[in-house]
Amino acid sequence: VELLDASASGLRVRTLLEPDTEELETFPIEIRVDGVRIWAWTRRVWKKGNREALKIVSADPLERARFKKLLRERSAA
Protein backbone atom coordinates (compact mmCIF):
# COMPACT_ATOMS: atom_id res chain seq x y z
CA VAL A 1 0.00 0.00 0.00
CA GLU A 2 0.93 3.63 -0.29
CA LEU A 3 0.66 5.58 2.96
CA LEU A 4 -1.38 8.74 2.35
CA ASP A 5 -1.86 10.00 5.90
CA ALA A 6 -1.09 8.77 9.41
CA SER A 7 -1.90 9.53 13.00
CA ALA A 8 -1.13 7.72 16.25
CA SER A 9 -4.47 5.90 16.01
CA GLY A 10 -4.76 5.11 12.31
CA LEU A 11 -3.75 5.32 8.69
CA ARG A 12 -5.21 6.33 5.37
CA VAL A 13 -3.78 4.26 2.55
CA ARG A 14 -4.09 3.55 -1.16
CA THR A 15 -3.96 -0.13 -2.01
CA LEU A 16 -1.88 -1.28 -4.95
CA LEU A 17 -1.26 -5.04 -4.81
CA GLU A 18 -2.75 -6.29 -1.58
CA PRO A 19 -4.59 -9.52 -0.73
CA ASP A 20 -8.34 -9.33 -0.26
CA THR A 21 -9.06 -8.70 3.42
CA GLU A 22 -12.77 -7.92 3.07
CA GLU A 23 -13.82 -10.83 5.28
CA LEU A 24 -11.26 -10.23 8.02
CA GLU A 25 -12.23 -8.19 11.06
CA THR A 26 -8.62 -7.34 11.93
CA PHE A 27 -5.35 -7.96 10.14
CA PRO A 28 -1.65 -7.20 10.69
CA ILE A 29 0.24 -4.65 8.68
CA GLU A 30 3.88 -3.68 8.43
CA ILE A 31 4.56 0.05 8.16
CA ARG A 32 7.91 1.16 6.73
CA VAL A 33 8.84 4.83 6.73
CA ASP A 34 12.39 6.13 6.36
CA GLY A 35 13.87 2.72 7.22
CA VAL A 36 11.73 2.35 10.36
CA ARG A 37 9.60 -0.81 10.38
CA ILE A 38 6.57 -1.11 12.68
CA TRP A 39 4.01 -3.92 13.00
CA ALA A 40 0.43 -3.31 14.12
CA TRP A 41 -2.98 -4.96 14.04
CA THR A 42 -5.56 -2.87 12.20
CA ARG A 43 -9.26 -2.80 11.40
CA ARG A 44 -10.73 -1.23 8.28
CA VAL A 45 -12.91 1.79 9.10
CA TRP A 46 -13.97 2.54 5.52
CA LYS A 47 -13.05 1.68 1.96
CA LYS A 48 -13.72 3.72 -1.20
CA GLY A 49 -12.24 2.21 -4.33
CA ASN A 50 -8.54 1.70 -3.71
CA ARG A 51 -8.45 4.01 -0.67
CA GLU A 52 -8.98 2.83 2.89
CA ALA A 53 -8.86 4.09 6.44
CA LEU A 54 -7.36 1.68 8.95
CA LYS A 55 -7.60 1.99 12.72
CA ILE A 56 -4.67 0.66 14.75
CA VAL A 57 -6.33 -1.63 17.28
CA SER A 58 -3.24 -3.26 18.77
CA ALA A 59 0.51 -2.73 18.70
CA ASP A 60 3.42 -3.49 20.95
CA PRO A 61 3.94 -0.49 23.29
CA LEU A 62 7.52 -0.03 22.05
CA GLU A 63 6.38 -0.16 18.41
CA ARG A 64 3.61 2.36 19.14
CA ALA A 65 6.10 4.71 20.84
CA ARG A 66 8.45 4.46 17.83
CA PHE A 67 5.56 5.23 15.49
CA LYS A 68 4.48 8.28 17.54
CA LYS A 69 8.08 9.54 17.56
CA LEU A 70 8.29 9.12 13.79
CA LEU A 71 5.03 11.06 13.36
CA ARG A 72 6.28 13.91 15.57
CA GLU A 73 9.55 14.12 13.66
CA ARG A 74 7.83 14.17 10.27
CA SER A 75 5.24 16.76 11.31
CA ALA A 76 8.00 19.05 12.64
CA ALA A 77 9.84 18.91 9.31
PDB file of N, CA and C in Angstrom:
ATOM      1  N   VAL A   1       0.836  -1.190   0.000  1.00  0.00           N
ATOM      2  CA  VAL A   1       0.000   0.000   0.000  1.00  0.00           C
ATOM      3  C   VAL A   1       0.871   1.240   0.000  1.00  0.00           C
ATOM      4  N   GLU A   2       0.274   2.329  -0.375  1.00  0.00           N
ATOM      5  CA  GLU A   2       0.927   3.635  -0.292  1.00  0.00           C
ATOM      6  C   GLU A   2       0.305   4.371   0.890  1.00  0.00           C
ATOM      7  N   LEU A   3       1.134   4.842   1.795  1.00  0.00           N
ATOM      8  CA  LEU A   3       0.665   5.582   2.960  1.00  0.00           C
ATOM      9  C   LEU A   3       0.324   7.004   2.541  1.00  0.00           C
ATOM     10  N   LEU A   4      -0.934   7.406   2.728  1.00  0.00           N
ATOM     11  CA  LEU A   4      -1.377   8.744   2.349  1.00  0.00           C
ATOM     12  C   LEU A   4      -1.377   9.701   3.535  1.00  0.00           C
ATOM     13  N   ASP A   5      -1.749   9.178   4.703  1.00  0.00           N
ATOM     14  CA  ASP A   5      -1.855  10.003   5.902  1.00  0.00           C
ATOM     15  C   ASP A   5      -1.749   9.080   7.103  1.00  0.00           C
ATOM     16  N   ALA A   6      -1.227   9.597   8.216  1.00  0.00           N
ATOM     17  CA  ALA A   6      -1.085   8.767   9.411  1.00  0.00           C
ATOM     18  C   ALA A   6      -1.271   9.595  10.660  1.00  0.00           C
ATOM     19  N   SER A   7      -1.818   8.955  11.663  1.00  0.00           N
ATOM     20  CA  SER A   7      -1.900   9.533  12.997  1.00  0.00           C
ATOM     21  C   SER A   7      -1.550   8.420  13.973  1.00  0.00           C
ATOM     22  N   ALA A   8      -1.468   8.733  15.248  1.00  0.00           N
ATOM     23  CA  ALA A   8      -1.126   7.722  16.247  1.00  0.00           C
ATOM     24  C   ALA A   8      -2.181   6.624  16.338  1.00  0.00           C
ATOM     25  N   SER A   9      -3.394   6.898  15.879  1.00  0.00           N
ATOM     26  CA  SER A   9      -4.469   5.903  16.007  1.00  0.00           C
ATOM     27  C   SER A   9      -4.863   5.238  14.697  1.00  0.00           C
ATOM     28  N   GLY A  10      -4.347   5.731  13.563  1.00  0.00           N
ATOM     29  CA  GLY A  10      -4.758   5.111  12.311  1.00  0.00           C
ATOM     30  C   GLY A  10      -4.015   5.609  11.099  1.00  0.00           C
ATOM     31  N   LEU A  11      -4.415   5.041   9.949  1.00  0.00           N
ATOM     32  CA  LEU A  11      -3.748   5.317   8.692  1.00  0.00           C
ATOM     33  C   LEU A  11      -4.775   5.483   7.590  1.00  0.00           C
ATOM     34  N   ARG A  12      -4.433   6.281   6.611  1.00  0.00           N
ATOM     35  CA  ARG A  12      -5.207   6.330   5.369  1.00  0.00           C
ATOM     36  C   ARG A  12      -4.254   5.882   4.282  1.00  0.00           C
ATOM     37  N   VAL A  13      -4.672   4.870   3.519  1.00  0.00           N
ATOM     38  CA  VAL A  13      -3.779   4.255   2.551  1.00  0.00           C
ATOM     39  C   VAL A  13      -4.457   4.106   1.191  1.00  0.00           C
ATOM     40  N   ARG A  14      -3.616   3.902   0.183  1.00  0.00           N
ATOM     41  CA  ARG A  14      -4.092   3.555  -1.158  1.00  0.00           C
ATOM     42  C   ARG A  14      -3.534   2.180  -1.450  1.00  0.00           C
ATOM     43  N   THR A  15      -4.410   1.234  -1.742  1.00  0.00           N
ATOM     44  CA  THR A  15      -3.956  -0.128  -2.010  1.00  0.00           C
ATOM     45  C   THR A  15      -3.492  -0.256  -3.452  1.00  0.00           C
ATOM     46  N   LEU A  16      -2.438  -1.027  -3.633  1.00  0.00           N
ATOM     47  CA  LEU A  16      -1.881  -1.281  -4.954  1.00  0.00           C
ATOM     48  C   LEU A  16      -2.000  -2.775  -5.278  1.00  0.00           C
ATOM     49  N   LEU A  17      -1.260  -3.590  -4.588  1.00  0.00           N
ATOM     50  CA  LEU A  17      -1.264  -5.036  -4.806  1.00  0.00           C
ATOM     51  C   LEU A  17      -1.388  -5.733  -3.452  1.00  0.00           C
ATOM     52  N   GLU A  18      -2.545  -5.709  -2.891  1.00  0.00           N
ATOM     53  CA  GLU A  18      -2.751  -6.293  -1.583  1.00  0.00           C
ATOM     54  C   GLU A  18      -3.748  -7.439  -1.657  1.00  0.00           C
ATOM     55  N   PRO A  19      -3.607  -8.434  -0.760  1.00  0.00           N
ATOM     56  CA  PRO A  19      -4.585  -9.522  -0.734  1.00  0.00           C
ATOM     57  C   PRO A  19      -5.948  -9.005  -0.275  1.00  0.00           C
ATOM     58  N   ASP A  20      -6.995  -9.706  -0.659  1.00  0.00           N
ATOM     59  CA  ASP A  20      -8.343  -9.326  -0.262  1.00  0.00           C
ATOM     60  C   ASP A  20      -8.529  -9.593   1.226  1.00  0.00           C
ATOM     61  N   THR A  21      -8.850  -8.555   1.981  1.00  0.00           N
ATOM     62  CA  THR A  21      -9.061  -8.696   3.421  1.00  0.00           C
ATOM     63  C   THR A  21     -10.492  -8.336   3.810  1.00  0.00           C
ATOM     64  N   GLU A  22     -11.384  -8.329   2.833  1.00  0.00           N
ATOM     65  CA  GLU A  22     -12.774  -7.924   3.068  1.00  0.00           C
ATOM     66  C   GLU A  22     -13.435  -8.707   4.195  1.00  0.00           C
ATOM     67  N   GLU A  23     -13.145  -9.995   4.305  1.00  0.00           N
ATOM     68  CA  GLU A  23     -13.822 -10.826   5.282  1.00  0.00           C
ATOM     69  C   GLU A  23     -13.155 -10.809   6.651  1.00  0.00           C
ATOM     70  N   LEU A  24     -11.973 -10.249   6.757  1.00  0.00           N
ATOM     71  CA  LEU A  24     -11.256 -10.229   8.022  1.00  0.00           C
ATOM     72  C   LEU A  24     -11.683  -9.039   8.870  1.00  0.00           C
ATOM     73  N   GLU A  25     -11.889  -9.284  10.164  1.00  0.00           N
ATOM     74  CA  GLU A  25     -12.231  -8.189  11.062  1.00  0.00           C
ATOM     75  C   GLU A  25     -10.994  -7.351  11.383  1.00  0.00           C
ATOM     76  N   THR A  26      -9.891  -8.029  11.693  1.00  0.00           N
ATOM     77  CA  THR A  26      -8.620  -7.343  11.932  1.00  0.00           C
ATOM     78  C   THR A  26      -7.531  -8.070  11.167  1.00  0.00           C
ATOM     79  N   PHE A  27      -6.471  -7.349  10.856  1.00  0.00           N
ATOM     80  CA  PHE A  27      -5.354  -7.958  10.145  1.00  0.00           C
ATOM     81  C   PHE A  27      -4.077  -7.187  10.449  1.00  0.00           C
ATOM     82  N   PRO A  28      -2.923  -7.874  10.402  1.00  0.00           N
ATOM     83  CA  PRO A  28      -1.650  -7.204  10.691  1.00  0.00           C
ATOM     84  C   PRO A  28      -1.142  -6.456   9.468  1.00  0.00           C
ATOM     85  N   ILE A  29      -0.438  -5.383   9.750  1.00  0.00           N
ATOM     86  CA  ILE A  29       0.241  -4.649   8.681  1.00  0.00           C
ATOM     87  C   ILE A  29       1.655  -4.315   9.136  1.00  0.00           C
ATOM     88  N   GLU A  30       2.518  -4.131   8.177  1.00  0.00           N
ATOM     89  CA  GLU A  30       3.875  -3.675   8.426  1.00  0.00           C
ATOM     90  C   GLU A  30       3.991  -2.289   7.812  1.00  0.00           C
ATOM     91  N   ILE A  31       4.402  -1.329   8.613  1.00  0.00           N
ATOM     92  CA  ILE A  31       4.563   0.046   8.160  1.00  0.00           C
ATOM     93  C   ILE A  31       6.062   0.319   8.067  1.00  0.00           C
ATOM     94  N   ARG A  32       6.500   0.795   6.903  1.00  0.00           N
ATOM     95  CA  ARG A  32       7.909   1.161   6.731  1.00  0.00           C
ATOM     96  C   ARG A  32       7.984   2.611   6.267  1.00  0.00           C
ATOM     97  N   VAL A  33       8.639   3.421   7.073  1.00  0.00           N
ATOM     98  CA  VAL A  33       8.838   4.827   6.727  1.00  0.00           C
ATOM     99  C   VAL A  33      10.273   5.191   7.104  1.00  0.00           C
ATOM    100  N   ASP A  34      11.006   5.699   6.132  1.00  0.00           N
ATOM    101  CA  ASP A  34      12.393   6.127   6.358  1.00  0.00           C
ATOM    102  C   ASP A  34      13.232   5.056   7.053  1.00  0.00           C
ATOM    103  N   GLY A  35      13.081   3.806   6.647  1.00  0.00           N
ATOM    104  CA  GLY A  35      13.868   2.724   7.219  1.00  0.00           C
ATOM    105  C   GLY A  35      13.356   2.193   8.546  1.00  0.00           C
ATOM    106  N   VAL A  36      12.325   2.805   9.108  1.00  0.00           N
ATOM    107  CA  VAL A  36      11.731   2.345  10.357  1.00  0.00           C
ATOM    108  C   VAL A  36      10.604   1.384  10.018  1.00  0.00           C
ATOM    109  N   ARG A  37      10.613   0.205  10.640  1.00  0.00           N
ATOM    110  CA  ARG A  37       9.596  -0.810  10.382  1.00  0.00           C
ATOM    111  C   ARG A  37       8.791  -1.044  11.651  1.00  0.00           C
ATOM    112  N   ILE A  38       7.473  -0.965  11.538  1.00  0.00           N
ATOM    113  CA  ILE A  38       6.572  -1.114  12.683  1.00  0.00           C
ATOM    114  C   ILE A  38       5.458  -2.073  12.294  1.00  0.00           C
ATOM    115  N   TRP A  39       5.124  -2.986  13.201  1.00  0.00           N
ATOM    116  CA  TRP A  39       4.009  -3.918  12.998  1.00  0.00           C
ATOM    117  C   TRP A  39       2.844  -3.507  13.873  1.00  0.00           C
ATOM    118  N   ALA A  40       1.633  -3.629  13.344  1.00  0.00           N
ATOM    119  CA  ALA A  40       0.428  -3.307  14.117  1.00  0.00           C
ATOM    120  C   ALA A  40      -0.748  -4.118  13.585  1.00  0.00           C
ATOM    121  N   TRP A  41      -1.708  -4.361  14.456  1.00  0.00           N
ATOM    122  CA  TRP A  41      -2.979  -4.961  14.038  1.00  0.00           C
ATOM    123  C   TRP A  41      -3.942  -3.828  13.746  1.00  0.00           C
ATOM    124  N   THR A  42      -4.649  -3.928  12.631  1.00  0.00           N
ATOM    125  CA  THR A  42      -5.558  -2.865  12.205  1.00  0.00           C
ATOM    126  C   THR A  42      -6.945  -3.410  11.896  1.00  0.00           C
ATOM    127  N   ARG A  43      -7.889  -2.486  11.823  1.00  0.00           N
ATOM    128  CA  ARG A  43      -9.256  -2.800  11.398  1.00  0.00           C
ATOM    129  C   ARG A  43      -9.666  -1.741  10.384  1.00  0.00           C
ATOM    130  N   ARG A  44     -10.276  -2.172   9.306  1.00  0.00           N
ATOM    131  CA  ARG A  44     -10.734  -1.235   8.277  1.00  0.00           C
ATOM    132  C   ARG A  44     -11.913  -0.419   8.827  1.00  0.00           C
ATOM    133  N   VAL A  45     -11.835   0.887   8.687  1.00  0.00           N
ATOM    134  CA  VAL A  45     -12.910   1.789   9.099  1.00  0.00           C
ATOM    135  C   VAL A  45     -13.815   2.070   7.905  1.00  0.00           C
ATOM    136  N   TRP A  46     -13.204   2.341   6.750  1.00  0.00           N
ATOM    137  CA  TRP A  46     -13.969   2.536   5.517  1.00  0.00           C
ATOM    138  C   TRP A  46     -13.091   2.202   4.324  1.00  0.00           C
ATOM    139  N   LYS A  47     -13.749   1.957   3.203  1.00  0.00           N
ATOM    140  CA  LYS A  47     -13.053   1.683   1.957  1.00  0.00           C
ATOM    141  C   LYS A  47     -13.838   2.319   0.826  1.00  0.00           C
ATOM    142  N   LYS A  48     -13.138   3.087  -0.019  1.00  0.00           N
ATOM    143  CA  LYS A  48     -13.725   3.723  -1.200  1.00  0.00           C
ATOM    144  C   LYS A  48     -12.774   3.489  -2.359  1.00  0.00           C
ATOM    145  N   GLY A  49     -13.130   2.552  -3.227  1.00  0.00           N
ATOM    146  CA  GLY A  49     -12.245   2.205  -4.329  1.00  0.00           C
ATOM    147  C   GLY A  49     -10.959   1.606  -3.810  1.00  0.00           C
ATOM    148  N   ASN A  50      -9.825   2.211  -4.182  1.00  0.00           N
ATOM    149  CA  ASN A  50      -8.542   1.697  -3.712  1.00  0.00           C
ATOM    150  C   ASN A  50      -8.012   2.464  -2.493  1.00  0.00           C
ATOM    151  N   ARG A  51      -8.854   3.258  -1.875  1.00  0.00           N
ATOM    152  CA  ARG A  51      -8.449   4.006  -0.668  1.00  0.00           C
ATOM    153  C   ARG A  51      -9.171   3.455   0.550  1.00  0.00           C
ATOM    154  N   GLU A  52      -8.433   3.397   1.664  1.00  0.00           N
ATOM    155  CA  GLU A  52      -8.977   2.833   2.894  1.00  0.00           C
ATOM    156  C   GLU A  52      -8.493   3.615   4.102  1.00  0.00           C
ATOM    157  N   ALA A  53      -9.290   3.595   5.141  1.00  0.00           N
ATOM    158  CA  ALA A  53      -8.857   4.094   6.441  1.00  0.00           C
ATOM    159  C   ALA A  53      -8.743   2.891   7.357  1.00  0.00           C
ATOM    160  N   LEU A  54      -7.616   2.786   8.048  1.00  0.00           N
ATOM    161  CA  LEU A  54      -7.358   1.679   8.952  1.00  0.00           C
ATOM    162  C   LEU A  54      -7.133   2.208  10.357  1.00  0.00           C
ATOM    163  N   LYS A  55      -7.800   1.624  11.319  1.00  0.00           N
ATOM    164  CA  LYS A  55      -7.597   1.991  12.724  1.00  0.00           C
ATOM    165  C   LYS A  55      -6.608   1.013  13.332  1.00  0.00           C
ATOM    166  N   ILE A  56      -5.621   1.526  14.040  1.00  0.00           N
ATOM    167  CA  ILE A  56      -4.670   0.663  14.746  1.00  0.00           C
ATOM    168  C   ILE A  56      -5.360   0.198  16.020  1.00  0.00           C
ATOM    169  N   VAL A  57      -5.610  -1.103  16.112  1.00  0.00           N
ATOM    170  CA  VAL A  57      -6.329  -1.634  17.275  1.00  0.00           C
ATOM    171  C   VAL A  57      -5.388  -2.288  18.283  1.00  0.00           C
ATOM    172  N   SER A  58      -4.190  -2.656  17.854  1.00  0.00           N
ATOM    173  CA  SER A  58      -3.239  -3.264  18.774  1.00  0.00           C
ATOM    174  C   SER A  58      -1.830  -3.138  18.209  1.00  0.00           C
ATOM    175  N   ALA A  59      -0.905  -2.794  19.077  1.00  0.00           N
ATOM    176  CA  ALA A  59       0.507  -2.731  18.699  1.00  0.00           C
ATOM    177  C   ALA A  59       1.332  -2.846  19.970  1.00  0.00           C
ATOM    178  N   ASP A  60       2.493  -3.410  19.834  1.00  0.00           N
ATOM    179  CA  ASP A  60       3.419  -3.492  20.954  1.00  0.00           C
ATOM    180  C   ASP A  60       3.689  -2.068  21.454  1.00  0.00           C
ATOM    181  N   PRO A  61       3.718  -1.844  22.764  1.00  0.00           N
ATOM    182  CA  PRO A  61       3.944  -0.490  23.287  1.00  0.00           C
ATOM    183  C   PRO A  61       5.216   0.170  22.749  1.00  0.00           C
ATOM    184  N   LEU A  62       6.283  -0.595  22.589  1.00  0.00           N
ATOM    185  CA  LEU A  62       7.519  -0.033  22.050  1.00  0.00           C
ATOM    186  C   LEU A  62       7.335   0.370  20.582  1.00  0.00           C
ATOM    187  N   GLU A  63       6.658  -0.472  19.815  1.00  0.00           N
ATOM    188  CA  GLU A  63       6.384  -0.156  18.413  1.00  0.00           C
ATOM    189  C   GLU A  63       5.518   1.107  18.313  1.00  0.00           C
ATOM    190  N   ARG A  64       4.492   1.192  19.159  1.00  0.00           N
ATOM    191  CA  ARG A  64       3.606   2.357  19.140  1.00  0.00           C
ATOM    192  C   ARG A  64       4.385   3.630  19.480  1.00  0.00           C
ATOM    193  N   ALA A  65       5.283   3.553  20.460  1.00  0.00           N
ATOM    194  CA  ALA A  65       6.100   4.712  20.838  1.00  0.00           C
ATOM    195  C   ALA A  65       7.014   5.132  19.677  1.00  0.00           C
ATOM    196  N   ARG A  66       7.608   4.150  18.984  1.00  0.00           N
ATOM    197  CA  ARG A  66       8.453   4.460  17.827  1.00  0.00           C
ATOM    198  C   ARG A  66       7.642   5.139  16.730  1.00  0.00           C
ATOM    199  N   PHE A  67       6.425   4.659  16.516  1.00  0.00           N
ATOM    200  CA  PHE A  67       5.559   5.234  15.494  1.00  0.00           C
ATOM    201  C   PHE A  67       5.176   6.677  15.853  1.00  0.00           C
ATOM    202  N   LYS A  68       4.821   6.922  17.103  1.00  0.00           N
ATOM    203  CA  LYS A  68       4.477   8.277  17.539  1.00  0.00           C
ATOM    204  C   LYS A  68       5.674   9.219  17.385  1.00  0.00           C
ATOM    205  N   LYS A  69       6.870   8.729  17.717  1.00  0.00           N
ATOM    206  CA  LYS A  69       8.081   9.542  17.565  1.00  0.00           C
ATOM    207  C   LYS A  69       8.301   9.882  16.090  1.00  0.00           C
ATOM    208  N   LEU A  70       8.134   8.900  15.225  1.00  0.00           N
ATOM    209  CA  LEU A  70       8.288   9.115  13.792  1.00  0.00           C
ATOM    210  C   LEU A  70       7.287  10.161  13.290  1.00  0.00           C
ATOM    211  N   LEU A  71       6.042  10.074  13.758  1.00  0.00           N
ATOM    212  CA  LEU A  71       5.026  11.056  13.356  1.00  0.00           C
ATOM    213  C   LEU A  71       5.387  12.462  13.814  1.00  0.00           C
ATOM    214  N   ARG A  72       5.875  12.588  15.054  1.00  0.00           N
ATOM    215  CA  ARG A  72       6.278  13.906  15.573  1.00  0.00           C
ATOM    216  C   ARG A  72       7.419  14.487  14.738  1.00  0.00           C
ATOM    217  N   GLU A  73       8.399  13.653  14.444  1.00  0.00           N
ATOM    218  CA  GLU A  73       9.550  14.123  13.662  1.00  0.00           C
ATOM    219  C   GLU A  73       9.137  14.581  12.271  1.00  0.00           C
ATOM    220  N   ARG A  74       8.259  13.822  11.628  1.00  0.00           N
ATOM    221  CA  ARG A  74       7.832  14.171  10.273  1.00  0.00           C
ATOM    222  C   ARG A  74       6.933  15.399  10.256  1.00  0.00           C
ATOM    223  N   SER A  75       6.117  15.591  11.299  1.00  0.00           N
ATOM    224  CA  SER A  75       5.239  16.759  11.312  1.00  0.00           C
ATOM    225  C   SER A  75       6.021  18.028  11.638  1.00  0.00           C
ATOM    226  N   ALA A  76       7.163  17.897  12.314  1.00  0.00           N
ATOM    227  CA  ALA A  76       8.000  19.051  12.640  1.00  0.00           C
ATOM    228  C   ALA A  76       8.813  19.494  11.423  1.00  0.00           C
ATOM    229  N   ALA A  77       9.015  18.594  10.483  1.00  0.00           N
ATOM    230  CA  ALA A  77       9.844  18.913   9.306  1.00  0.00           C
ATOM    231  C   ALA A  77       9.115  19.767   8.301  1.00  0.00           C
TER     232      ALA A  77
END
